[in-house]
Amino acid sequence: MSVLSLAFVCAQNSMWEESITAGSQALQEGRYAEAEKLFVAALEEAEKFGEHDSRLALSHLALGRVYQELGHYTQAEPLYRRALAIVEKALGPEHPKVATTLNNLADLYSAQGKYAEAEPLHRRALAIREKVLGPEHPEVADSLHNLARLCVAQGKYGQAEPVYKRGLAIQEKALGPEHPKVATSLNSLAALYYHQGKYAQAEQLYQRSLAIREKVLGPEHPEVAITLDNLANVYQAQGHYTQAELLYGRVVGTFEKALGPEHPDVATSLNNLAALYVAEGRYAQAEPLHKRALATVEKALGPEHPKVATSLNNLGFLYHEQGKYTLAELPYQRALAIYEKALGPEHPNVAQSLANYAALLREMKRDAEAEKMEARAQAIRAKHAQENPAN
């Protein structure tokens, strides 16, 4: 989400600008508590500029972004909606900045699995950009990328591919074949192929994305690490564990150097490396990585963030795989409770968490409890399949 650009505003105020700039830096570095304080200060300052000032909209967006990153979705939504109302009134309903704000709100809904609410916002943003900027503008490509990503999240792979390809063609023509946004689109299209099991096609696109990012951004940039991580996933899926391990190790090192050892992205890379070790049966090496990842996200994001649930689920699976069923149950229980509270009782992650816990209960011969969880997981998945048909 491109919500923190000073180009959004028309006027400047030193105190407001200092808070926004410092808050943006803190957000980028994963210092969320500090970012929140700075953006609250920016919002208080922006209130003095008038209810239709674009700085007020940006302040709402910035603070909403922090809350979204922290998983505080109910706090983020009214801030995004207020920003949208300000921009629509100040600039008109078909201004490109309205499209940007619509995308932010749509991303918030997508993070919660509210795809039916996200889609019309992304489509409205796309229509605005096509009408105002023309069908081959780079911002149209951004909207196409967002819409395709939403299709992937719903398992609509056949719909996503042509949308991704159209966006990529626009970017290559408008920005050149080695622009960082081209690398991002290649990365996303590769991820689509990965989800479809088309590993050769995915690898080819990831390699091209990697080459662009290394050339343009440098070999130690976080976006290079993201592509390496994705490429490692492809290798792991094919059983090429040695290649995958080398890349995962490089990813961890890059994130630690660029973002600091306590950034949530470091935790994600640690979880991925640990998952590789679990796949290889190297449980003793996996456990400290999963535990460090859990401690990192708990400290950075708070104990009830969905990423904490993901780490707990990974730790539970590690114990489950080793037959340590009693140790596995508590992480599974806590992960389920966090997902339900943060994302709602019918989110796809809740279904997966229920299925994992049910499998554990089966191993523990607690079949009656397992059956209830399996039935609930199946009901959630059936509801999502009905609301979001694959084709």
Protein backbone atom coordinates (compact mmCIF):
# COMPACT_ATOMS: atom_id res chain seq x y z
CA MET A 1 0.00 0.00 0.00
CA SER A 2 1.36 3.38 -0.99
CA VAL A 3 -0.25 5.41 1.77
CA LEU A 4 2.69 7.33 3.18
CA SER A 5 3.84 9.43 0.27
CA LEU A 6 4.27 13.13 0.95
CA ALA A 7 3.33 13.68 -2.68
CA PHE A 8 -0.23 13.04 -1.49
CA VAL A 9 -0.37 16.46 0.14
CA CYS A 10 -0.40 19.92 -1.34
CA ALA A 11 0.80 21.97 1.61
CA GLN A 12 3.46 21.48 4.24
CA ASN A 13 3.72 22.01 7.98
CA SER A 14 7.02 21.33 9.69
CA MET A 15 5.65 19.67 12.85
CA TRP A 16 3.16 17.57 10.89
CA GLU A 17 5.72 16.65 8.24
CA GLU A 18 8.32 15.67 10.85
CA SER A 19 5.82 13.36 12.56
CA ILE A 20 4.72 11.77 9.29
CA THR A 21 8.30 11.28 8.06
CA ALA A 22 9.56 9.85 11.35
CA GLY A 23 6.46 7.68 11.68
CA SER A 24 6.93 6.30 8.17
CA GLN A 25 10.51 5.37 8.98
CA ALA A 26 9.45 3.69 12.22
CA LEU A 27 6.72 1.78 10.37
CA GLN A 28 9.17 0.58 7.74
CA GLU A 29 11.54 -0.65 10.45
CA GLY A 30 8.81 -2.46 12.37
CA ARG A 31 8.81 -0.06 15.34
CA TYR A 32 5.03 -0.01 15.50
CA ALA A 33 4.50 1.50 18.95
CA GLU A 34 6.72 4.43 18.01
CA ALA A 35 5.00 4.79 14.63
CA GLU A 36 1.62 4.86 16.32
CA LYS A 37 2.65 7.71 18.65
CA LEU A 38 4.09 9.73 15.80
CA PHE A 39 1.05 9.26 13.58
CA VAL A 40 -1.31 10.13 16.44
CA ALA A 41 0.69 13.36 16.84
CA ALA A 42 0.47 13.98 13.09
CA LEU A 43 -3.29 13.41 13.17
CA GLU A 44 -3.73 15.84 16.05
CA GLU A 45 -1.72 18.44 14.14
CA ALA A 46 -3.64 17.77 10.92
CA GLU A 47 -6.97 18.37 12.65
CA LYS A 48 -5.94 22.05 12.82
CA PHE A 49 -5.75 22.32 9.03
CA GLY A 50 -9.47 21.88 8.39
CA GLU A 51 -11.72 18.91 7.80
CA HIS A 52 -11.07 18.73 4.05
CA ASP A 53 -7.28 19.10 4.12
CA SER A 54 -5.43 16.29 2.35
CA ARG A 55 -2.94 16.12 5.22
CA LEU A 56 -5.78 15.04 7.47
CA ALA A 57 -6.62 12.21 5.06
CA LEU A 58 -2.99 11.08 4.92
CA SER A 59 -2.75 11.13 8.71
CA HIS A 60 -5.80 8.88 8.98
CA LEU A 61 -4.33 6.52 6.38
CA ALA A 62 -0.97 6.39 8.12
CA LEU A 63 -2.41 5.58 11.53
CA GLY A 64 -4.76 3.05 9.95
CA ARG A 65 -1.78 1.35 8.33
CA VAL A 66 -0.11 0.89 11.72
CA TYR A 67 -3.25 -0.65 13.17
CA GLN A 68 -3.57 -2.94 10.16
CA GLU A 69 0.02 -4.11 10.56
CA LEU A 70 -0.69 -4.79 14.24
CA GLY A 71 -3.83 -6.76 13.35
CA HIS A 72 -6.11 -4.15 14.97
CA TYR A 73 -8.50 -4.23 12.05
CA THR A 74 -11.50 -2.71 13.81
CA GLN A 75 -9.40 0.33 14.70
CA ALA A 76 -7.99 0.64 11.19
CA GLU A 77 -11.30 0.55 9.30
CA PRO A 78 -12.86 3.83 10.55
CA LEU A 79 -9.57 5.62 9.91
CA TYR A 80 -9.49 4.41 6.30
CA ARG A 81 -13.16 5.25 5.82
CA ARG A 82 -12.65 8.76 7.21
CA ALA A 83 -9.69 9.26 4.86
CA LEU A 84 -11.82 8.12 1.92
CA ALA A 85 -14.60 10.57 2.84
CA ILE A 86 -12.12 13.46 3.11
CA VAL A 87 -10.48 12.72 -0.24
CA GLU A 88 -13.79 12.22 -2.05
CA LYS A 89 -15.13 15.54 -0.77
CA ALA A 90 -11.91 17.46 -1.34
CA LEU A 91 -10.98 16.06 -4.76
CA GLY A 92 -14.17 14.52 -6.17
CA PRO A 93 -15.23 10.85 -6.42
CA GLU A 94 -13.17 10.10 -9.53
CA HIS A 95 -9.80 11.52 -8.51
CA PRO A 96 -6.81 9.12 -8.66
CA LYS A 97 -6.17 9.69 -4.93
CA VAL A 98 -9.65 8.31 -4.28
CA ALA A 99 -8.55 5.14 -6.08
CA THR A 100 -5.46 4.90 -3.88
CA THR A 101 -7.57 5.23 -0.73
CA LEU A 102 -10.07 2.66 -2.00
CA ASN A 103 -7.21 0.20 -2.50
CA ASN A 104 -6.05 0.68 1.09
CA LEU A 105 -9.52 -0.08 2.44
CA ALA A 106 -9.81 -3.08 0.12
CA ASP A 107 -6.46 -4.43 1.34
CA LEU A 108 -7.74 -4.17 4.91
CA TYR A 109 -10.78 -6.27 4.02
CA SER A 110 -8.62 -8.81 2.18
CA ALA A 111 -6.42 -9.22 5.25
CA GLN A 112 -9.54 -10.25 7.15
CA GLY A 113 -10.74 -12.64 4.44
CA LYS A 114 -13.60 -10.27 3.56
CA TYR A 115 -13.11 -10.76 -0.15
CA ALA A 116 -16.68 -9.89 -1.15
CA GLU A 117 -16.23 -6.47 0.46
CA ALA A 118 -12.76 -5.96 -1.00
CA GLU A 119 -13.55 -6.75 -4.64
CA PRO A 120 -15.96 -3.88 -5.47
CA LEU A 121 -13.49 -1.41 -3.95
CA HIS A 122 -10.64 -2.69 -6.10
CA ARG A 123 -12.88 -2.66 -9.18
CA ARG A 124 -13.99 0.92 -8.49
CA ALA A 125 -10.35 1.96 -8.09
CA LEU A 126 -9.50 0.31 -11.40
CA ALA A 127 -12.40 2.03 -13.18
CA ILE A 128 -11.36 5.44 -11.84
CA ARG A 129 -7.77 4.99 -12.98
CA GLU A 130 -8.72 3.69 -16.43
CA LYS A 131 -11.12 6.59 -16.98
CA VAL A 132 -8.92 9.39 -15.61
CA LEU A 133 -5.41 8.16 -16.45
CA GLY A 134 -6.00 5.96 -19.48
CA PRO A 135 -5.92 2.17 -19.86
CA GLU A 136 -2.13 1.92 -20.13
CA HIS A 137 -1.10 4.04 -17.17
CA PRO A 138 1.17 2.41 -14.53
CA GLU A 139 -1.43 3.05 -11.82
CA VAL A 140 -3.91 0.99 -13.85
CA ALA A 141 -1.34 -1.80 -13.67
CA ASP A 142 -1.23 -1.35 -9.88
CA SER A 143 -5.00 -1.81 -9.70
CA LEU A 144 -4.85 -4.86 -11.94
CA HIS A 145 -2.19 -6.31 -9.67
CA ASN A 146 -4.40 -5.76 -6.63
CA LEU A 147 -7.40 -7.36 -8.31
CA ALA A 148 -5.38 -10.38 -9.45
CA ARG A 149 -3.94 -10.84 -5.97
CA LEU A 150 -7.50 -10.88 -4.61
CA CYS A 151 -8.41 -13.58 -7.14
CA VAL A 152 -5.45 -15.68 -5.98
CA ALA A 153 -6.48 -15.32 -2.35
CA GLN A 154 -9.86 -16.80 -3.32
CA GLY A 155 -8.32 -19.61 -5.37
CA LYS A 156 -9.53 -18.08 -8.66
CA TYR A 157 -6.27 -18.83 -10.44
CA GLY A 158 -7.75 -18.92 -13.94
CA GLN A 159 -9.13 -15.40 -13.50
CA ALA A 160 -5.95 -14.07 -11.94
CA GLU A 161 -3.48 -15.01 -14.69
CA PRO A 162 -4.75 -12.77 -17.54
CA VAL A 163 -5.16 -9.85 -15.12
CA TYR A 164 -1.58 -10.22 -13.90
CA LYS A 165 -0.32 -10.50 -17.48
CA ARG A 166 -2.16 -7.37 -18.60
CA GLY A 167 -0.72 -5.40 -15.68
CA LEU A 168 2.78 -6.70 -16.40
CA ALA A 169 2.51 -5.72 -20.08
CA ILE A 170 1.45 -2.18 -19.12
CA GLN A 171 4.37 -1.83 -16.71
CA GLU A 172 6.95 -3.15 -19.16
CA LYS A 173 5.74 -0.71 -21.82
CA ALA A 174 5.37 2.32 -19.55
CA LEU A 175 8.25 1.80 -17.13
CA GLY A 176 10.72 -0.41 -18.97
CA PRO A 177 11.54 -4.10 -18.50
CA GLU A 178 13.89 -3.55 -15.53
CA HIS A 179 11.75 -1.36 -13.32
CA PRO A 180 11.21 -2.52 -9.70
CA LYS A 181 7.44 -2.63 -10.27
CA VAL A 182 8.00 -5.07 -13.13
CA ALA A 183 9.96 -7.23 -10.70
CA THR A 184 7.04 -7.10 -8.25
CA SER A 185 4.57 -8.18 -10.93
CA LEU A 186 6.86 -11.00 -12.04
CA ASN A 187 7.07 -12.10 -8.42
CA SER A 188 3.28 -12.15 -8.12
CA LEU A 189 2.74 -14.04 -11.37
CA ALA A 190 5.39 -16.54 -10.27
CA ALA A 191 3.53 -17.00 -6.97
CA LEU A 192 0.38 -17.81 -8.95
CA TYR A 193 2.24 -20.52 -10.86
CA TYR A 194 3.70 -21.81 -7.58
CA HIS A 195 0.20 -22.20 -6.12
CA GLN A 196 -0.79 -24.12 -9.25
CA GLY A 197 2.22 -26.43 -8.98
CA LYS A 198 3.78 -25.01 -12.15
CA TYR A 199 7.23 -24.90 -10.60
CA ALA A 200 9.31 -24.51 -13.76
CA GLN A 201 7.34 -21.44 -14.82
CA ALA A 202 7.45 -20.04 -11.31
CA GLU A 203 11.20 -20.50 -11.05
CA GLN A 204 11.82 -18.75 -14.38
CA LEU A 205 9.83 -15.68 -13.35
CA TYR A 206 11.34 -15.56 -9.86
CA GLN A 207 14.81 -15.66 -11.40
CA ARG A 208 13.95 -12.75 -13.67
CA SER A 209 12.46 -10.78 -10.76
CA LEU A 210 15.55 -11.51 -8.70
CA ALA A 211 17.88 -10.30 -11.46
CA ILE A 212 16.00 -6.99 -11.74
CA ARG A 213 15.91 -6.38 -8.01
CA GLU A 214 19.57 -7.23 -7.48
CA LYS A 215 20.59 -4.93 -10.33
CA VAL A 216 18.35 -1.99 -9.44
CA LEU A 217 18.14 -2.23 -5.64
CA GLY A 218 21.35 -4.03 -4.72
CA PRO A 219 21.90 -7.61 -3.45
CA GLU A 220 21.10 -6.83 0.20
CA HIS A 221 17.78 -5.04 -0.26
CA PRO A 222 14.74 -6.54 1.56
CA GLU A 223 12.86 -6.95 -1.74
CA VAL A 224 15.71 -9.13 -2.99
CA ALA A 225 15.25 -11.24 0.14
CA ILE A 226 11.52 -11.57 -0.58
CA THR A 227 12.23 -12.98 -4.04
CA LEU A 228 14.89 -15.32 -2.67
CA ASP A 229 12.41 -16.56 -0.07
CA ASN A 230 9.84 -17.28 -2.76
CA LEU A 231 12.42 -19.05 -4.90
CA ALA A 232 13.41 -21.16 -1.91
CA ASN A 233 9.75 -22.16 -1.53
CA VAL A 234 9.78 -23.46 -5.10
CA TYR A 235 12.91 -25.50 -4.45
CA GLN A 236 11.50 -26.91 -1.22
CA ALA A 237 8.24 -27.90 -2.93
CA GLN A 238 10.29 -29.91 -5.42
CA GLY A 239 12.38 -31.55 -2.71
CA HIS A 240 15.52 -29.59 -3.57
CA TYR A 241 16.30 -29.03 0.08
CA THR A 242 19.96 -28.10 -0.21
CA GLN A 243 19.22 -25.29 -2.66
CA ALA A 244 16.30 -24.13 -0.55
CA GLU A 245 18.35 -24.08 2.66
CA LEU A 246 21.07 -21.92 1.11
CA LEU A 247 18.51 -19.36 -0.02
CA TYR A 248 16.57 -19.36 3.25
CA GLY A 249 19.81 -18.74 5.12
CA ARG A 250 20.61 -15.80 2.88
CA VAL A 251 17.10 -14.42 3.39
CA VAL A 252 17.44 -14.48 7.17
CA GLY A 253 20.81 -12.73 6.97
CA THR A 254 19.54 -10.06 4.58
CA PHE A 255 16.47 -9.24 6.66
CA GLU A 256 18.49 -9.14 9.88
CA LYS A 257 21.01 -6.75 8.35
CA ALA A 258 18.49 -4.51 6.60
CA LEU A 259 15.67 -4.46 9.15
CA GLY A 260 17.21 -5.57 12.44
CA PRO A 261 16.96 -8.95 14.21
CA GLU A 262 13.58 -8.22 15.81
CA HIS A 263 11.62 -7.26 12.70
CA PRO A 264 8.55 -9.40 11.87
CA ASP A 265 9.96 -10.19 8.42
CA VAL A 266 12.92 -11.87 10.14
CA ALA A 267 10.43 -14.04 12.02
CA THR A 268 8.76 -15.05 8.75
CA SER A 269 12.09 -16.10 7.25
CA LEU A 270 12.99 -18.03 10.41
CA ASN A 271 9.68 -19.89 10.22
CA ASN A 272 10.34 -20.81 6.60
CA LEU A 273 13.80 -22.16 7.36
CA ALA A 274 12.41 -24.08 10.33
CA ALA A 275 9.65 -25.55 8.15
CA LEU A 276 12.33 -26.83 5.80
CA TYR A 277 14.09 -28.51 8.71
CA VAL A 278 10.81 -30.10 9.79
CA ALA A 279 10.28 -31.44 6.25
CA GLU A 280 13.74 -33.02 6.47
CA GLY A 281 13.11 -34.43 9.95
CA ARG A 282 15.71 -32.08 11.50
CA TYR A 283 13.49 -31.27 14.47
CA ALA A 284 16.23 -30.25 16.89
CA GLN A 285 17.34 -27.51 14.48
CA ALA A 286 13.79 -26.39 13.73
CA GLU A 287 12.59 -25.88 17.32
CA PRO A 288 14.84 -22.94 18.34
CA LEU A 289 14.03 -21.16 15.08
CA HIS A 290 10.28 -21.52 15.58
CA LYS A 291 10.62 -20.35 19.18
CA ARG A 292 12.71 -17.33 18.19
CA ALA A 293 10.19 -16.46 15.45
CA LEU A 294 7.35 -16.66 17.97
CA ALA A 295 9.15 -14.44 20.47
CA THR A 296 9.96 -11.93 17.73
CA VAL A 297 6.39 -11.49 16.48
CA GLU A 298 4.97 -11.40 19.99
CA LYS A 299 7.32 -8.58 20.90
CA ALA A 300 6.88 -6.64 17.66
CA LEU A 301 3.16 -7.11 17.03
CA GLY A 302 1.62 -8.08 20.37
CA PRO A 303 0.42 -11.46 21.68
CA GLU A 304 -2.86 -11.53 19.73
CA HIS A 305 -1.68 -10.76 16.19
CA PRO A 306 -2.50 -13.30 13.43
CA LYS A 307 1.23 -13.73 12.75
CA VAL A 308 1.63 -14.90 16.36
CA ALA A 309 -1.04 -17.51 15.62
CA THR A 310 0.90 -18.60 12.54
CA SER A 311 4.07 -19.06 14.58
CA LEU A 312 2.16 -20.96 17.27
CA ASN A 313 0.65 -23.19 14.62
CA ASN A 314 4.12 -23.91 13.24
CA LEU A 315 5.43 -24.77 16.69
CA GLY A 316 2.45 -27.01 17.35
CA PHE A 317 3.01 -28.80 14.04
CA LEU A 318 6.67 -29.37 14.96
CA TYR A 319 5.66 -31.10 18.19
CA HIS A 320 2.85 -32.95 16.41
CA GLU A 321 5.28 -34.36 13.86
CA GLN A 322 7.50 -35.66 16.66
CA GLY A 323 4.62 -37.34 18.44
CA LYS A 324 4.80 -34.86 21.33
CA TYR A 325 1.04 -34.48 21.39
CA THR A 326 0.68 -32.86 24.80
CA LEU A 327 3.22 -30.19 23.88
CA ALA A 328 1.48 -29.62 20.53
CA GLU A 329 -1.98 -29.03 21.95
CA LEU A 330 -1.39 -25.74 23.76
CA PRO A 331 0.11 -23.92 20.73
CA TYR A 332 -2.73 -25.22 18.55
CA GLN A 333 -5.31 -24.05 21.09
CA ARG A 334 -3.80 -20.61 21.39
CA ALA A 335 -3.40 -20.23 17.62
CA LEU A 336 -7.08 -21.05 17.11
CA ALA A 337 -8.18 -18.57 19.76
CA ILE A 338 -6.07 -15.78 18.24
CA TYR A 339 -7.33 -16.41 14.70
CA GLU A 340 -10.94 -16.42 15.88
CA LYS A 341 -10.54 -13.17 17.79
CA ALA A 342 -8.44 -11.31 15.22
CA LEU A 343 -10.00 -12.55 11.97
CA GLY A 344 -13.44 -13.75 12.97
CA PRO A 345 -14.82 -17.28 13.44
CA GLU A 346 -15.29 -17.98 9.72
CA HIS A 347 -11.92 -16.96 8.30
CA PRO A 348 -10.05 -19.56 6.18
CA ASN A 349 -7.16 -19.50 8.67
CA VAL A 350 -9.61 -20.58 11.38
CA ALA A 351 -10.62 -23.54 9.21
CA GLN A 352 -6.99 -24.57 8.74
CA SER A 353 -6.31 -24.18 12.45
CA LEU A 354 -9.33 -26.33 13.29
CA ALA A 355 -8.17 -29.00 10.84
CA ASN A 356 -4.68 -29.08 12.37
CA TYR A 357 -6.06 -29.34 15.87
CA ALA A 358 -8.52 -32.04 14.81
CA ALA A 359 -5.69 -34.12 13.32
CA LEU A 360 -3.85 -33.88 16.63
CA LEU A 361 -6.96 -34.92 18.55
CA ARG A 362 -7.31 -37.95 16.28
CA GLU A 363 -3.76 -38.98 17.21
CA MET A 364 -4.70 -38.54 20.88
CA LYS A 365 -7.78 -40.78 20.40
CA ARG A 366 -10.13 -37.90 21.24
CA ASP A 367 -12.35 -38.61 18.27
CA ALA A 368 -15.51 -36.90 19.47
CA GLU A 369 -13.71 -33.56 19.89
CA ALA A 370 -11.97 -34.06 16.54
CA GLU A 371 -15.24 -34.68 14.73
CA LYS A 372 -16.69 -31.39 15.96
CA MET A 373 -13.66 -29.44 14.78
CA GLU A 374 -13.58 -31.23 11.43
CA ALA A 375 -17.25 -30.45 10.87
CA ARG A 376 -16.73 -26.80 11.69
CA ALA A 377 -13.68 -26.55 9.43
CA GLN A 378 -15.62 -28.18 6.60
CA ALA A 379 -18.53 -25.76 7.09
CA ILE A 380 -16.22 -22.73 6.93
CA ARG A 381 -14.56 -23.99 3.77
CA ALA A 382 -17.89 -24.82 2.14
CA LYS A 383 -19.19 -21.34 2.89
CA HIS A 384 -16.10 -19.71 1.39
CA ALA A 385 -16.26 -21.95 -1.67
CA GLN A 386 -19.90 -20.92 -2.20
CA GLU A 387 -19.17 -17.20 -1.72
CA ASN A 388 -15.97 -17.26 -3.79
CA PRO A 389 -16.38 -19.84 -6.59
CA ALA A 390 -13.09 -20.72 -8.26
CA ASN A 391 -14.42 -19.97 -11.72
